[in-house]
Amino acid sequence: MEGERDRISDLPDSLLEHILTFLPTKYAVRTGVLSKRWKDLWVSHPYLSLRDDEIGIQTVKVPKFMNFLNKILLHPQAKVKKIQLSSQERLESPEFIRWFQAVMMKDDLEELDIGFRKIYHTPQSYLTVCNTLVILKLDFGAFSGNKFPKSFCFPNLKTMHLNGFLLAYNFANQLLQCQNLESLIIRNYILDVMSHGLVLNDYDDQNEVLSNLSNAQMDSCYGFHGDVSDRSFLKNMIKAVSKAKDLDLSLSIIEYLYRVFPDDMLRFNNLKHIKLYLQSSHVGALGFILQKAPNLESLHIESDGPYGSVHDALMLEQLRSSCSSANLKVIRMTKFILEDPVLELVQLIFGSAGSLEDIVIELDAQHEMNNFLQCQKLLKLPRLSEDSVLHLKWEFGYSHHYFGHSHSYYHP
C-alpha cells in the first residue's frame, strides 16, 4: 500500500540484531542492501557458520569465499561469539593468519570450529589463552603437520576436538588446565619430536585428572617405540582421561601401556562404555582393560585388520577370568570375519560373561568366510547368560536373532 511505513526498520537496533540471529550468516549479511538503516546491523551477528558451498560458489571458489570472510571477520565492529568455518579448497597461510588473529582478539569468543583441509602453517601463537572459549574444534587434515601450541590455557573449555596435529610431549599436563573439559577427541596425532625438552615426569597426584570428562577418543597414527618420553606421554594422557564414562581408544595405545605398565596402570572406575580395535595380538590387552574397568557395561570391539590365530593359552585364560568378573551387559563386535579363531574368541566371551543381555555381531560385508555354516556354528555356541539375545548382522541384507534355544531368520 502506498505510503505504508516500514515498521520493522523502525524497531530498535537491539531487536533487529536479535532477529538477525535467526538467519543463516549469508542471509544476515545480505540484509545490508535493504537500506541505510540495515547496512551495518549484520556486523553484530554473534554466530558465524559458513561453508564454501553455502554461498553459491561454482567455479572460482577460493577468491569469493575469501572476500566474503574478509568482509565479516576483519570488520572492525564485528562481535562474533561463535565461528564455524569449513572449506575443501586450499587457502594460503597469510589470509588464514589474518582471520585467525582477528578471531582470537575477540573478547567474548565462545566457539571456534574450523575445518580447512588444505592449509599449512597455522598461526599457533595466537591460540594460547582464551578465558571465554567453550568449544574448540580444529581439523586441518589427518597429515597436515600443524603443531598445536606447547602452552595453552582455556579454563572454561568444555569441548576440544583436534584432528591431524603434532602434539608436544607436555600436552597432557597443559590439558589439565582445562578442568571443565567434558568432551575430548584427538585423532591422527603425532608426537612432536622437537619438543623432547618439554617432557615432564609422570604425575602421581590422584587429583591430576580431568574430573568432568564424559567422553574421550584417542586415535594415533604414531608408532610408539618404547622411548621413555613416549611412555610418559601416553601414561599421562591415559591418566588424564581416566575418569571418563565413555572411551574410544585405538587398541595399540592400550596394548602399549599394557605391555609397558602391566602392574601400576590406574583403574577406570567411572568407565561405562569403551570401543577398542582388535587383532589377535591384542587379546591380552582386552582382558587388561576389563580388569581395569570394574563398572564397564558396554564393550564395542572392532576388527582392525586380519585377526589371525591365538595360540597363547595363558592369555586366553586371563581373558576368561576377566570376562567372568566383569559386569558387561552389552557387547558389540563389528567388521569381523567368522573364521575359527574368531569363533574361539566369541565362545570364550559367551561362556564366561554371565551378565550379558545383548550381543551384536556385525560381520564384514560379503566375505566368503561369513557363510551359513559358520553362522550356524556361531548360533549354537553355548552362553553362560541364558537370557542374552544374539543379533547377527551383515551388510548385504541378512539379519539373524537367537533367543535362548530358538532362533529365527528374516530379511530386512
Protein backbone atom coordinates (compact mmCIF):
# COMPACT_ATOMS: atom_id res chain seq x y z
CA MET A 1 0.00 0.00 0.00
CA GLU A 2 1.36 3.42 -0.97
CA GLY A 3 2.68 5.40 1.97
CA GLU A 4 2.80 2.38 4.27
CA ARG A 5 5.63 2.70 6.79
CA ASP A 6 8.40 0.14 7.18
CA ARG A 7 7.59 -0.76 10.78
CA ILE A 8 10.30 -3.43 11.01
CA SER A 9 13.04 -0.93 10.18
CA ASP A 10 11.70 1.35 12.90
CA LEU A 11 12.46 -1.23 15.59
CA PRO A 12 15.41 -0.59 17.94
CA ASP A 13 18.82 -1.93 16.88
CA SER A 14 18.80 -4.48 19.69
CA LEU A 15 15.60 -6.10 18.35
CA LEU A 16 16.77 -6.06 14.74
CA GLU A 17 20.09 -7.62 15.76
CA HIS A 18 18.16 -10.31 17.66
CA ILE A 19 16.08 -11.03 14.54
CA LEU A 20 19.26 -11.45 12.51
CA THR A 21 20.49 -14.18 14.86
CA PHE A 22 17.76 -16.45 13.43
CA LEU A 23 19.13 -16.08 9.88
CA PRO A 24 22.00 -18.04 8.34
CA THR A 25 25.14 -15.95 8.03
CA LYS A 26 24.93 -15.39 4.28
CA TYR A 27 21.36 -14.05 4.53
CA ALA A 28 22.12 -11.86 7.55
CA VAL A 29 24.89 -10.17 5.57
CA ARG A 30 22.58 -9.64 2.57
CA THR A 31 20.15 -7.60 4.68
CA GLY A 32 22.70 -4.81 4.46
CA VAL A 33 21.41 -3.92 0.97
CA LEU A 34 17.84 -3.25 2.17
CA SER A 35 18.53 0.32 3.25
CA LYS A 36 20.99 2.52 5.09
CA ARG A 37 19.17 1.50 8.28
CA TRP A 38 20.20 -2.13 7.75
CA LYS A 39 23.64 -1.53 6.25
CA ASP A 40 25.85 -2.50 9.21
CA LEU A 41 23.41 -4.27 11.50
CA TRP A 42 24.72 -7.70 10.43
CA VAL A 43 28.09 -6.80 11.98
CA SER A 44 26.63 -7.56 15.40
CA HIS A 45 25.55 -11.04 14.28
CA PRO A 46 27.11 -13.21 17.05
CA TYR A 47 27.06 -16.51 15.13
CA LEU A 48 29.09 -17.16 12.00
CA SER A 49 28.51 -20.52 10.31
CA LEU A 50 29.74 -20.86 6.76
CA ARG A 51 30.96 -23.47 4.31
CA ASP A 52 32.42 -22.64 0.93
CA ASP A 53 29.49 -24.38 -0.79
CA GLU A 54 26.89 -22.26 1.05
CA ILE A 55 27.49 -19.03 -0.85
CA GLY A 56 26.84 -20.35 -4.33
CA ILE A 57 30.46 -20.79 -5.40
CA GLN A 58 30.67 -22.93 -8.51
CA THR A 59 33.86 -22.10 -10.40
CA VAL A 60 36.18 -19.62 -8.72
CA LYS A 61 35.61 -20.85 -5.20
CA VAL A 62 38.50 -19.56 -3.17
CA PRO A 63 38.51 -15.83 -4.06
CA LYS A 64 34.78 -15.42 -3.44
CA PHE A 65 34.93 -17.35 -0.18
CA MET A 66 37.94 -15.34 0.98
CA ASN A 67 36.34 -12.00 0.11
CA PHE A 68 33.22 -12.98 1.99
CA LEU A 69 35.21 -13.89 5.11
CA ASN A 70 37.36 -10.77 4.86
CA LYS A 71 34.21 -8.67 4.92
CA ILE A 72 32.92 -10.41 8.03
CA LEU A 73 35.93 -11.35 10.15
CA LEU A 74 38.02 -8.25 9.51
CA HIS A 75 35.23 -5.75 10.06
CA PRO A 76 36.35 -3.53 12.98
CA GLN A 77 32.92 -3.63 14.64
CA ALA A 78 32.28 -7.37 14.27
CA LYS A 79 31.13 -9.03 17.50
CA VAL A 80 31.23 -12.71 16.62
CA LYS A 81 30.94 -15.14 19.53
CA LYS A 82 30.63 -18.44 17.64
CA ILE A 83 32.51 -19.24 14.47
CA GLN A 84 32.05 -22.32 12.29
CA LEU A 85 34.04 -22.27 9.04
CA SER A 86 34.88 -25.07 6.64
CA SER A 87 36.30 -25.36 3.14
CA GLN A 88 37.65 -28.13 0.98
CA GLU A 89 39.72 -25.70 -1.05
CA ARG A 90 43.32 -24.75 -0.39
CA LEU A 91 43.69 -21.48 1.49
CA GLU A 92 47.02 -19.72 1.70
CA SER A 93 48.51 -19.11 5.13
CA PRO A 94 48.67 -15.26 5.04
CA GLU A 95 44.91 -14.93 4.56
CA PHE A 96 44.15 -17.50 7.20
CA ILE A 97 46.52 -15.86 9.67
CA ARG A 98 44.69 -12.55 9.29
CA TRP A 99 41.37 -14.22 10.02
CA PHE A 100 42.73 -16.25 12.89
CA GLN A 101 44.36 -13.25 14.53
CA ALA A 102 41.18 -11.22 14.21
CA VAL A 103 39.10 -14.05 15.66
CA MET A 104 41.34 -14.64 18.67
CA MET A 105 41.25 -10.94 19.53
CA LYS A 106 37.52 -11.17 20.22
CA ASP A 107 36.85 -10.52 23.89
CA ASP A 108 33.90 -12.90 24.17
CA LEU A 109 34.69 -15.72 21.72
CA GLU A 110 32.86 -18.87 22.84
CA GLU A 111 33.12 -21.32 19.95
CA LEU A 112 35.81 -21.84 17.33
CA ASP A 113 35.08 -24.64 14.84
CA ILE A 114 37.36 -24.54 11.80
CA GLY A 115 37.83 -27.23 9.17
CA PHE A 116 40.14 -26.21 6.32
CA ARG A 117 41.56 -29.38 4.83
CA LYS A 118 44.23 -27.70 2.70
CA ILE A 119 46.02 -25.13 4.79
CA TYR A 120 49.50 -25.17 6.20
CA HIS A 121 51.41 -23.45 8.98
CA THR A 122 48.55 -22.39 11.19
CA PRO A 123 49.32 -19.45 13.50
CA GLN A 124 49.51 -21.42 16.72
CA SER A 125 51.00 -18.50 18.63
CA TYR A 126 47.52 -16.89 18.74
CA LEU A 127 45.87 -20.00 20.19
CA THR A 128 47.32 -19.96 23.69
CA VAL A 129 44.99 -18.26 26.18
CA CYS A 130 41.25 -17.62 25.93
CA ASN A 131 39.16 -17.35 29.07
CA THR A 132 35.80 -17.36 27.28
CA LEU A 133 36.31 -20.24 24.84
CA VAL A 134 33.88 -23.14 25.43
CA ILE A 135 34.19 -25.17 22.19
CA LEU A 136 37.37 -25.69 20.19
CA LYS A 137 37.28 -27.87 17.05
CA LEU A 138 40.18 -27.75 14.60
CA ASP A 139 40.57 -30.03 11.59
CA PHE A 140 43.25 -29.28 9.01
CA GLY A 141 43.51 -32.82 7.65
CA ALA A 142 44.96 -36.04 9.04
CA PHE A 143 48.51 -35.30 7.89
CA SER A 144 48.60 -31.51 7.98
CA GLY A 145 51.73 -31.38 10.13
CA ASN A 146 50.44 -28.40 12.09
CA LYS A 147 51.74 -28.02 15.62
CA PHE A 148 49.39 -27.44 18.49
CA PRO A 149 50.70 -24.83 20.98
CA LYS A 150 53.15 -26.13 23.56
CA SER A 151 51.50 -23.90 26.14
CA PHE A 152 47.77 -23.15 26.31
CA CYS A 153 45.09 -22.32 28.86
CA PHE A 154 41.33 -22.47 28.25
CA PRO A 155 39.79 -22.56 31.75
CA ASN A 156 36.16 -22.66 30.52
CA LEU A 157 36.66 -25.08 27.65
CA LYS A 158 34.13 -27.94 27.55
CA THR A 159 34.80 -29.44 24.11
CA MET A 160 38.14 -30.00 22.38
CA HIS A 161 38.28 -31.87 19.06
CA LEU A 162 41.62 -31.94 17.21
CA ASN A 163 42.50 -33.80 14.03
CA GLY A 164 45.96 -34.16 12.50
CA PHE A 165 48.11 -32.15 14.90
CA LEU A 166 51.66 -32.54 16.17
CA LEU A 167 51.42 -32.57 19.96
CA ALA A 168 54.16 -31.60 22.36
CA TYR A 169 55.20 -34.15 24.97
CA ASN A 170 53.77 -31.95 27.73
CA PHE A 171 50.31 -31.84 26.09
CA ALA A 172 48.61 -33.82 28.87
CA ASN A 173 49.98 -31.52 31.55
CA GLN A 174 48.72 -28.45 29.69
CA LEU A 175 45.37 -30.15 29.16
CA LEU A 176 44.89 -30.39 32.92
CA GLN A 177 44.39 -26.64 32.98
CA CYS A 178 41.09 -27.24 31.16
CA GLN A 179 39.34 -28.69 34.19
CA ASN A 180 35.85 -28.01 32.76
CA LEU A 181 36.51 -30.24 29.76
CA GLU A 182 33.67 -32.69 29.04
CA SER A 183 34.47 -33.99 25.54
CA LEU A 184 37.95 -34.69 24.18
CA ILE A 185 38.68 -36.11 20.71
CA ILE A 186 42.27 -36.30 19.46
CA ARG A 187 42.60 -38.07 16.13
CA ASN A 188 45.60 -38.80 13.91
CA TYR A 189 48.02 -37.09 16.25
CA ILE A 190 51.79 -37.40 16.05
CA LEU A 191 54.26 -36.56 18.80
CA ASP A 192 56.43 -33.54 18.08
CA VAL A 193 59.98 -34.86 18.35
CA MET A 194 61.23 -31.29 18.60
CA SER A 195 59.52 -30.93 21.98
CA HIS A 196 61.60 -33.53 23.86
CA GLY A 197 62.83 -30.78 26.17
CA LEU A 198 59.27 -30.38 27.45
CA VAL A 199 58.99 -33.96 28.74
CA LEU A 200 57.68 -33.90 32.30
CA ASN A 201 57.81 -36.63 34.91
CA ASP A 202 54.78 -38.82 35.38
CA TYR A 203 52.44 -37.14 37.82
CA ASP A 204 51.24 -39.26 40.72
CA ASP A 205 48.64 -37.00 42.31
CA GLN A 206 45.28 -38.74 42.02
CA ASN A 207 43.64 -35.34 41.51
CA GLU A 208 45.63 -34.70 38.33
CA VAL A 209 42.81 -35.88 36.07
CA LEU A 210 40.05 -34.27 34.01
CA SER A 211 37.34 -34.87 36.58
CA ASN A 212 34.43 -33.53 34.47
CA LEU A 213 35.30 -35.51 31.35
CA SER A 214 32.38 -37.50 29.94
CA ASN A 215 33.82 -38.94 26.72
CA ALA A 216 37.28 -39.17 25.16
CA GLN A 217 38.69 -40.51 21.90
CA MET A 218 42.38 -41.04 21.14
CA ASP A 219 43.48 -42.33 17.77
CA SER A 220 47.17 -42.13 16.94
CA CYS A 221 48.97 -42.67 13.66
CA TYR A 222 52.21 -42.53 15.63
CA GLY A 223 54.39 -45.60 16.06
CA PHE A 224 55.45 -45.98 19.68
CA HIS A 225 58.96 -47.33 20.16
CA GLY A 226 59.41 -47.72 23.90
CA ASP A 227 61.14 -44.38 24.37
CA VAL A 228 60.81 -43.01 27.91
CA SER A 229 59.23 -39.85 26.51
CA ASP A 230 56.62 -41.90 24.65
CA ARG A 231 55.78 -43.83 27.79
CA SER A 232 55.41 -40.67 29.88
CA PHE A 233 53.22 -39.00 27.26
CA LEU A 234 50.86 -41.96 26.94
CA LYS A 235 50.69 -42.69 30.64
CA ASN A 236 49.91 -39.06 31.45
CA MET A 237 47.28 -38.85 28.71
CA ILE A 238 45.55 -42.06 29.81
CA LYS A 239 45.56 -40.89 33.41
CA ALA A 240 44.13 -37.50 32.41
CA VAL A 241 41.11 -39.18 30.75
CA SER A 242 40.73 -41.99 33.30
CA LYS A 243 37.54 -40.51 34.84
CA ALA A 244 35.63 -40.56 31.54
CA LYS A 245 32.49 -42.67 31.23
CA ASP A 246 32.97 -43.30 27.50
CA LEU A 247 36.30 -44.07 25.84
CA ASP A 248 37.23 -44.74 22.23
CA LEU A 249 40.88 -45.77 22.10
CA SER A 250 43.00 -47.28 19.37
CA LEU A 251 43.90 -50.58 20.95
CA SER A 252 47.56 -50.08 20.06
CA ILE A 253 47.60 -47.44 22.80
CA ILE A 254 46.10 -49.78 25.38
CA GLU A 255 48.32 -52.62 24.17
CA TYR A 256 51.40 -50.45 24.54
CA LEU A 257 50.50 -49.40 28.08
CA TYR A 258 49.55 -52.98 28.94
CA ARG A 259 53.00 -54.20 27.95
CA VAL A 260 54.97 -51.32 29.46
CA PHE A 261 52.93 -50.75 32.63
CA PRO A 262 51.22 -54.09 33.38
CA ASP A 263 51.08 -53.63 37.15
CA ASP A 264 50.86 -49.95 38.05
CA MET A 265 48.27 -48.87 35.48
CA LEU A 266 45.43 -46.90 37.08
CA ARG A 267 41.82 -48.06 37.12
CA PHE A 268 38.90 -46.68 35.09
CA ASN A 269 36.29 -46.76 37.83
CA ASN A 270 33.82 -44.44 36.06
CA LEU A 271 34.03 -46.13 32.68
CA LYS A 272 30.69 -47.45 31.34
CA HIS A 273 31.45 -47.85 27.62
CA ILE A 274 34.63 -48.40 25.64
CA LYS A 275 35.42 -49.01 21.99
CA LEU A 276 38.57 -50.96 21.15
CA TYR A 277 40.16 -52.17 17.93
CA LEU A 278 41.21 -55.80 17.95
CA GLN A 279 43.77 -58.08 16.37
CA SER A 280 44.77 -61.47 17.73
CA SER A 281 47.88 -59.98 19.35
CA HIS A 282 45.67 -57.60 21.33
CA VAL A 283 43.68 -60.23 23.22
CA GLY A 284 45.80 -59.71 26.32
CA ALA A 285 45.05 -56.00 26.27
CA LEU A 286 41.34 -56.76 26.01
CA GLY A 287 41.49 -58.73 29.24
CA PHE A 288 43.61 -55.97 30.74
CA ILE A 289 41.02 -53.26 30.13
CA LEU A 290 38.25 -55.46 31.53
CA GLN A 291 40.25 -55.83 34.74
CA LYS A 292 40.89 -52.10 35.00
CA ALA A 293 37.26 -51.07 34.35
CA PRO A 294 35.19 -52.87 37.03
CA ASN A 295 31.97 -50.95 36.19
CA LEU A 296 32.13 -51.38 32.42
CA GLU A 297 28.69 -52.21 30.99
CA SER A 298 29.13 -51.81 27.23
CA LEU A 299 32.05 -53.02 25.10
CA HIS A 300 32.46 -52.33 21.39
CA ILE A 301 35.19 -54.36 19.65
CA GLU A 302 36.04 -53.58 16.05
CA SER A 303 38.30 -55.81 13.98
CA ASP A 304 41.43 -53.91 12.96
CA GLY A 305 42.82 -55.91 10.03
CA PRO A 306 43.33 -59.70 9.80
CA TYR A 307 42.57 -61.38 13.08
CA GLY A 308 44.75 -64.49 12.80
CA SER A 309 45.09 -67.26 15.35
CA VAL A 310 45.50 -67.03 19.10
CA HIS A 311 47.97 -69.58 20.49
CA ASP A 312 48.72 -68.20 23.95
CA ALA A 313 46.66 -70.35 26.34
CA LEU A 314 47.66 -68.23 29.35
CA MET A 315 46.45 -65.06 27.62
CA LEU A 316 43.11 -66.69 26.84
CA GLU A 317 42.73 -67.90 30.40
CA GLN A 318 43.40 -64.39 31.70
CA LEU A 319 40.75 -63.06 29.34
CA ARG A 320 38.30 -65.72 30.55
CA SER A 321 38.93 -64.68 34.13
CA SER A 322 38.45 -61.00 33.27
CA CYS A 323 35.14 -61.71 31.50
CA SER A 324 33.80 -63.78 34.37
CA SER A 325 34.35 -60.97 36.86
CA ALA A 326 33.12 -58.19 34.55
CA ASN A 327 29.68 -56.60 34.71
CA LEU A 328 29.24 -56.45 30.93
CA LYS A 329 25.66 -56.13 29.71
CA VAL A 330 26.21 -55.31 26.02
CA ILE A 331 28.92 -56.45 23.62
CA ARG A 332 29.10 -55.25 20.03
CA MET A 333 31.58 -56.76 17.57
CA THR A 334 31.94 -55.11 14.16
CA LYS A 335 33.81 -55.82 10.88
CA PHE A 336 34.58 -59.40 11.90
CA ILE A 337 35.08 -62.45 9.71
CA LEU A 338 33.72 -65.72 11.05
CA GLU A 339 36.91 -67.72 10.88
CA ASP A 340 37.67 -70.33 13.56
CA PRO A 341 39.91 -68.10 15.75
CA VAL A 342 37.11 -65.53 15.94
CA LEU A 343 34.62 -68.22 16.88
CA GLU A 344 37.05 -69.33 19.59
CA LEU A 345 37.16 -65.80 20.97
CA VAL A 346 33.37 -65.42 20.86
CA GLN A 347 32.92 -68.80 22.54
CA LEU A 348 35.23 -67.71 25.34
CA ILE A 349 33.26 -64.48 25.89
CA PHE A 350 29.88 -66.24 25.70
CA GLY A 351 30.93 -68.92 28.16
CA SER A 352 32.39 -66.63 30.81
CA ALA A 353 30.39 -63.36 30.77
CA GLY A 354 27.35 -64.14 32.91
CA SER A 355 25.56 -60.78 32.91
CA LEU A 356 25.24 -60.27 29.14
CA GLU A 357 21.87 -59.03 27.88
CA ASP A 358 22.60 -58.15 24.25
CA ILE A 359 25.28 -59.41 21.89
CA VAL A 360 25.53 -57.71 18.49
CA ILE A 361 27.88 -59.13 15.85
CA GLU A 362 28.17 -57.23 12.57
CA LEU A 363 30.11 -59.22 10.00
CA ASP A 364 32.44 -57.95 7.33
CA ALA A 365 30.31 -57.40 4.22
CA GLN A 366 30.07 -60.32 1.78
CA HIS A 367 33.24 -62.07 2.91
CA GLU A 368 33.36 -65.68 1.83
CA MET A 369 34.13 -66.90 5.34
CA ASN A 370 30.82 -65.45 6.54
CA ASN A 371 28.75 -68.33 5.17
CA PHE A 372 25.72 -70.05 6.63
CA LEU A 373 27.78 -72.91 8.04
CA GLN A 374 29.89 -70.52 10.11
CA CYS A 375 26.76 -68.65 11.17
CA GLN A 376 25.20 -71.89 12.36
CA LYS A 377 28.32 -72.60 14.44
CA LEU A 378 28.05 -69.15 15.99
CA LEU A 379 24.35 -69.55 16.79
CA LYS A 380 24.99 -72.85 18.54
CA LEU A 381 27.73 -71.56 20.84
CA PRO A 382 26.70 -72.03 24.48
CA ARG A 383 26.29 -68.95 26.65
CA LEU A 384 26.56 -68.57 30.39
CA SER A 385 23.79 -65.97 30.37
CA GLU A 386 20.72 -67.83 29.08
CA ASP A 387 18.64 -64.65 28.80
CA SER A 388 21.06 -62.88 26.48
CA VAL A 389 19.97 -62.10 22.92
CA LEU A 390 22.31 -62.53 19.98
CA HIS A 391 21.89 -60.23 16.96
CA LEU A 392 23.88 -61.36 13.95
CA LYS A 393 24.05 -58.90 11.06
CA TRP A 394 25.89 -58.36 7.84
CA GLU A 395 25.53 -55.58 5.33
CA PHE A 396 24.14 -57.40 2.34
CA GLY A 397 20.81 -57.83 4.00
CA TYR A 398 20.57 -60.83 6.30
CA SER A 399 19.95 -60.47 9.99
CA HIS A 400 19.60 -63.34 12.44
CA HIS A 401 18.30 -63.27 16.02
CA TYR A 402 18.82 -66.00 18.55
CA PHE A 403 16.62 -66.11 21.65
CA GLY A 404 17.56 -68.71 24.24
CA HIS A 405 17.43 -72.06 22.47
CA SER A 406 15.46 -70.93 19.43
CA HIS A 407 16.37 -68.79 16.50
CA SER A 408 14.69 -67.05 13.61
CA TYR A 409 15.81 -65.56 10.33
CA TYR A 410 14.40 -62.66 8.44
CA HIS A 411 15.30 -60.37 5.58
CA PRO A 412 15.02 -56.66 6.38
